Amino acid sequence: MQRILNIENDIIEEFSFFEDWMDKYAHLISLGKDLKQMSQADKSDENQIKGCQSQVWLNAGLKDKTVQFEADSDAVITKGMIALLLRVVNGQSPEDIANYEFKFLEEIGLTTHLSPSRANGLLSMVKQIRLYGVAFQGKKI
């Protein structure tokens, strides 16, 4: 869990450099642009996160006792939000992901600066990530 907390602290520090929310949104958009392209085959109904205003897909697999995620969205800010979430949890253990509380979202002010529909979508993304952590806890490689 310490590795997750270190990444979380890096993100909090990174967002503290931006003085207004337009700059923070621009940063989120740039994070989304850096997200590795998800294959069209993985953009299936099964991988689509329900509860998001935009289309968001999330897929995960277990490799070397860590969860490896891939994601995509059809909206630039939403794609940035999922990229930010994956930055913290990608390559972490299922147990750490299942127990992680994503407190940095409040620390950087993201939860208070989103529209209600985007905030619901963010909550749905967090929920799905944590569910993957729970699901992979009982699996063997």
C-alpha atoms as a PDB file:
ATOM      1  CA  MET A   1       0.000   0.000   0.000  1.00  0.00           C
ATOM      2  CA  GLN A   2       2.970   2.304   0.545  1.00  0.00           C
ATOM      3  CA  ARG A   3       3.628   2.434  -3.189  1.00  0.00           C
ATOM      4  CA  ILE A   4       0.044   3.595  -3.778  1.00  0.00           C
ATOM      5  CA  LEU A   5       0.372   6.276  -1.109  1.00  0.00           C
ATOM      6  CA  ASN A   6       3.600   7.538  -2.696  1.00  0.00           C
ATOM      7  CA  ILE A   7       1.888   7.863  -6.088  1.00  0.00           C
ATOM      8  CA  GLU A   8      -1.066   9.552  -4.419  1.00  0.00           C
ATOM      9  CA  ASN A   9       1.258  12.100  -2.772  1.00  0.00           C
ATOM     10  CA  ASP A  10       2.952  12.771  -6.116  1.00  0.00           C
ATOM     11  CA  ILE A  11      -0.432  13.504  -7.703  1.00  0.00           C
ATOM     12  CA  ILE A  12      -1.456  15.833  -4.859  1.00  0.00           C
ATOM     13  CA  GLU A  13       1.815  17.725  -5.226  1.00  0.00           C
ATOM     14  CA  GLU A  14       1.483  17.824  -9.017  1.00  0.00           C
ATOM     15  CA  PHE A  15      -2.023  19.313  -8.876  1.00  0.00           C
ATOM     16  CA  SER A  16      -0.970  21.859  -6.249  1.00  0.00           C
ATOM     17  CA  PHE A  17       1.130  23.606  -8.918  1.00  0.00           C
ATOM     18  CA  PHE A  18      -2.028  24.659 -10.771  1.00  0.00           C
ATOM     19  CA  GLU A  19      -3.755  27.718  -9.385  1.00  0.00           C
ATOM     20  CA  ASP A  20      -7.131  27.474 -11.102  1.00  0.00           C
ATOM     21  CA  TRP A  21      -9.392  24.710 -12.277  1.00  0.00           C
ATOM     22  CA  MET A  22      -9.073  25.489 -15.959  1.00  0.00           C
ATOM     23  CA  ASP A  23      -5.382  24.590 -15.673  1.00  0.00           C
ATOM     24  CA  LYS A  24      -6.226  21.432 -13.723  1.00  0.00           C
ATOM     25  CA  TYR A  25      -8.749  20.402 -16.396  1.00  0.00           C
ATOM     26  CA  ALA A  26      -6.129  21.023 -19.086  1.00  0.00           C
ATOM     27  CA  HIS A  27      -3.759  18.777 -17.137  1.00  0.00           C
ATOM     28  CA  LEU A  28      -6.417  16.061 -16.894  1.00  0.00           C
ATOM     29  CA  ILE A  29      -6.935  16.250 -20.642  1.00  0.00           C
ATOM     30  CA  SER A  30      -3.194  15.860 -21.230  1.00  0.00           C
ATOM     31  CA  LEU A  31      -3.160  12.793 -18.950  1.00  0.00           C
ATOM     32  CA  GLY A  32      -5.915  11.285 -21.065  1.00  0.00           C
ATOM     33  CA  LYS A  33      -3.941  11.904 -24.235  1.00  0.00           C
ATOM     34  CA  ASP A  34      -1.066   9.907 -22.729  1.00  0.00           C
ATOM     35  CA  LEU A  35      -3.299   6.911 -21.945  1.00  0.00           C
ATOM     36  CA  LYS A  36      -2.305   3.872 -23.967  1.00  0.00           C
ATOM     37  CA  GLN A  37      -4.773   3.119 -26.762  1.00  0.00           C
ATOM     38  CA  MET A  38      -7.291   0.397 -25.875  1.00  0.00           C
ATOM     39  CA  SER A  39      -8.069  -2.142 -28.573  1.00  0.00           C
ATOM     40  CA  GLN A  40     -11.454  -1.907 -30.278  1.00  0.00           C
ATOM     41  CA  ALA A  41     -12.155  -5.519 -29.277  1.00  0.00           C
ATOM     42  CA  ASP A  42     -11.880  -4.563 -25.593  1.00  0.00           C
ATOM     43  CA  LYS A  43     -14.333  -1.680 -26.023  1.00  0.00           C
ATOM     44  CA  SER A  44     -17.174  -4.107 -25.430  1.00  0.00           C
ATOM     45  CA  ASP A  45     -20.412  -3.800 -23.496  1.00  0.00           C
ATOM     46  CA  GLU A  46     -18.895  -6.121 -20.911  1.00  0.00           C
ATOM     47  CA  ASN A  47     -16.060  -3.654 -20.251  1.00  0.00           C
ATOM     48  CA  GLN A  48     -18.193  -0.524 -20.354  1.00  0.00           C
ATOM     49  CA  ILE A  49     -18.632   1.205 -17.006  1.00  0.00           C
ATOM     50  CA  LYS A  50     -22.286   1.825 -16.272  1.00  0.00           C
ATOM     51  CA  GLY A  51     -23.230   5.103 -14.597  1.00  0.00           C
ATOM     52  CA  CYS A  52     -21.007   7.350 -16.664  1.00  0.00           C
ATOM     53  CA  GLN A  53     -22.427  10.092 -18.863  1.00  0.00           C
ATOM     54  CA  SER A  54     -19.652   9.391 -21.367  1.00  0.00           C
ATOM     55  CA  GLN A  55     -18.657   6.020 -22.676  1.00  0.00           C
ATOM     56  CA  VAL A  56     -15.877   4.563 -20.516  1.00  0.00           C
ATOM     57  CA  TRP A  57     -14.348   1.142 -20.900  1.00  0.00           C
ATOM     58  CA  LEU A  58     -12.185  -0.599 -18.331  1.00  0.00           C
ATOM     59  CA  ASN A  59     -10.507  -3.966 -18.642  1.00  0.00           C
ATOM     60  CA  ALA A  60      -8.149  -5.685 -16.234  1.00  0.00           C
ATOM     61  CA  GLY A  61      -6.041  -8.807 -15.966  1.00  0.00           C
ATOM     62  CA  LEU A  62      -3.805 -10.395 -13.386  1.00  0.00           C
ATOM     63  CA  LYS A  63      -0.098 -10.656 -14.202  1.00  0.00           C
ATOM     64  CA  ASP A  64       2.730 -11.453 -11.772  1.00  0.00           C
ATOM     65  CA  LYS A  65       0.343 -11.044  -8.807  1.00  0.00           C
ATOM     66  CA  THR A  66      -0.566  -7.494  -9.868  1.00  0.00           C
ATOM     67  CA  VAL A  67      -3.588  -6.074 -11.646  1.00  0.00           C
ATOM     68  CA  GLN A  68      -2.927  -4.594 -15.075  1.00  0.00           C
ATOM     69  CA  PHE A  69      -5.581  -2.190 -16.353  1.00  0.00           C
ATOM     70  CA  GLU A  70      -6.421  -0.684 -19.694  1.00  0.00           C
ATOM     71  CA  ALA A  71      -9.107   1.924 -20.260  1.00  0.00           C
ATOM     72  CA  ASP A  72     -10.518   4.411 -22.704  1.00  0.00           C
ATOM     73  CA  SER A  73     -13.302   6.981 -23.028  1.00  0.00           C
ATOM     74  CA  ASP A  74     -14.970   8.952 -25.756  1.00  0.00           C
ATOM     75  CA  ALA A  75     -14.713  12.196 -23.727  1.00  0.00           C
ATOM     76  CA  VAL A  76     -11.391  13.956 -23.130  1.00  0.00           C
ATOM     77  CA  ILE A  77     -11.898  14.937 -19.478  1.00  0.00           C
ATOM     78  CA  THR A  78     -13.327  11.528 -18.606  1.00  0.00           C
ATOM     79  CA  LYS A  79     -10.381   9.883 -20.334  1.00  0.00           C
ATOM     80  CA  GLY A  80      -8.099  12.049 -18.196  1.00  0.00           C
ATOM     81  CA  MET A  81      -9.944  11.040 -15.037  1.00  0.00           C
ATOM     82  CA  ILE A  82      -9.627   7.307 -15.753  1.00  0.00           C
ATOM     83  CA  ALA A  83      -5.956   7.819 -16.683  1.00  0.00           C
ATOM     84  CA  LEU A  84      -5.407   9.528 -13.326  1.00  0.00           C
ATOM     85  CA  LEU A  85      -7.104   6.681 -11.443  1.00  0.00           C
ATOM     86  CA  LEU A  86      -5.111   4.039 -13.294  1.00  0.00           C
ATOM     87  CA  ARG A  87      -1.876   5.866 -12.580  1.00  0.00           C
ATOM     88  CA  VAL A  88      -2.426   5.000  -8.923  1.00  0.00           C
ATOM     89  CA  VAL A  89      -3.695   1.423  -9.182  1.00  0.00           C
ATOM     90  CA  ASN A  90      -2.079  -0.056 -12.286  1.00  0.00           C
ATOM     91  CA  GLY A  91       0.433  -2.725 -11.323  1.00  0.00           C
ATOM     92  CA  GLN A  92      -0.729  -2.912  -7.699  1.00  0.00           C
ATOM     93  CA  SER A  93      -1.827  -5.999  -5.794  1.00  0.00           C
ATOM     94  CA  PRO A  94      -5.509  -6.945  -5.819  1.00  0.00           C
ATOM     95  CA  GLU A  95      -5.647  -6.512  -2.037  1.00  0.00           C
ATOM     96  CA  ASP A  96      -4.258  -2.983  -2.164  1.00  0.00           C
ATOM     97  CA  ILE A  97      -6.671  -2.013  -4.938  1.00  0.00           C
ATOM     98  CA  ALA A  98      -9.679  -3.484  -3.122  1.00  0.00           C
ATOM     99  CA  ASN A  99      -8.822  -1.590   0.070  1.00  0.00           C
ATOM    100  CA  TYR A 100      -7.710   1.693  -1.485  1.00  0.00           C
ATOM    101  CA  GLU A 101      -9.967   4.670  -0.755  1.00  0.00           C
ATOM    102  CA  PHE A 102      -8.858   7.144  -3.466  1.00  0.00           C
ATOM    103  CA  LYS A 103      -8.581   9.981  -0.932  1.00  0.00           C
ATOM    104  CA  PHE A 104      -6.424  12.029  -3.283  1.00  0.00           C
ATOM    105  CA  LEU A 105      -9.526  12.860  -5.348  1.00  0.00           C
ATOM    106  CA  GLU A 106     -10.785  15.070  -2.531  1.00  0.00           C
ATOM    107  CA  GLU A 107      -7.306  16.403  -1.757  1.00  0.00           C
ATOM    108  CA  ILE A 108      -6.875  17.747  -5.287  1.00  0.00           C
ATOM    109  CA  GLY A 109     -10.456  19.058  -5.285  1.00  0.00           C
ATOM    110  CA  LEU A 110     -11.650  16.934  -8.182  1.00  0.00           C
ATOM    111  CA  THR A 111     -14.781  15.670  -6.438  1.00  0.00           C
ATOM    112  CA  THR A 112     -15.996  19.212  -5.737  1.00  0.00           C
ATOM    113  CA  HIS A 113     -15.264  20.660  -9.189  1.00  0.00           C
ATOM    114  CA  LEU A 114     -17.148  18.150 -11.311  1.00  0.00           C
ATOM    115  CA  SER A 115     -20.716  18.368 -12.528  1.00  0.00           C
ATOM    116  CA  PRO A 116     -23.047  15.924 -10.744  1.00  0.00           C
ATOM    117  CA  SER A 117     -23.107  13.594 -13.758  1.00  0.00           C
ATOM    118  CA  ARG A 118     -19.288  13.562 -14.031  1.00  0.00           C
ATOM    119  CA  ALA A 119     -18.999  13.024 -10.269  1.00  0.00           C
ATOM    120  CA  ASN A 120     -21.308   9.995 -10.573  1.00  0.00           C
ATOM    121  CA  GLY A 121     -19.187   8.718 -13.427  1.00  0.00           C
ATOM    122  CA  LEU A 122     -16.020   9.126 -11.367  1.00  0.00           C
ATOM    123  CA  LEU A 123     -17.646   7.193  -8.533  1.00  0.00           C
ATOM    124  CA  SER A 124     -18.603   4.425 -10.978  1.00  0.00           C
ATOM    125  CA  MET A 125     -15.004   4.223 -12.232  1.00  0.00           C
ATOM    126  CA  VAL A 126     -13.646   3.970  -8.676  1.00  0.00           C
ATOM    127  CA  LYS A 127     -16.211   1.305  -7.826  1.00  0.00           C
ATOM    128  CA  GLN A 128     -15.332  -0.789 -10.884  1.00  0.00           C
ATOM    129  CA  ILE A 129     -11.593  -0.552 -10.184  1.00  0.00           C
ATOM    130  CA  ARG A 130     -12.126  -1.693  -6.601  1.00  0.00           C
ATOM    131  CA  LEU A 131     -14.373  -4.546  -7.793  1.00  0.00           C
ATOM    132  CA  TYR A 132     -11.542  -5.794  -9.998  1.00  0.00           C
ATOM    133  CA  GLY A 133      -9.306  -5.757  -6.917  1.00  0.00           C
ATOM    134  CA  VAL A 134     -11.837  -7.810  -4.957  1.00  0.00           C
ATOM    135  CA  ALA A 135     -12.395 -10.232  -7.856  1.00  0.00           C
ATOM    136  CA  PHE A 136      -8.687 -10.876  -8.373  1.00  0.00           C
ATOM    137  CA  GLN A 137      -7.918 -11.502  -4.684  1.00  0.00           C
ATOM    138  CA  GLY A 138      -9.044 -15.105  -4.954  1.00  0.00           C
ATOM    139  CA  LYS A 139      -7.435 -15.852  -8.317  1.00  0.00           C
ATOM    140  CA  LYS A 140      -4.162 -17.631  -8.885  1.00  0.00           C
ATOM    141  CA  ILE A 141      -1.796 -16.672 -11.673  1.00  0.00           C
END
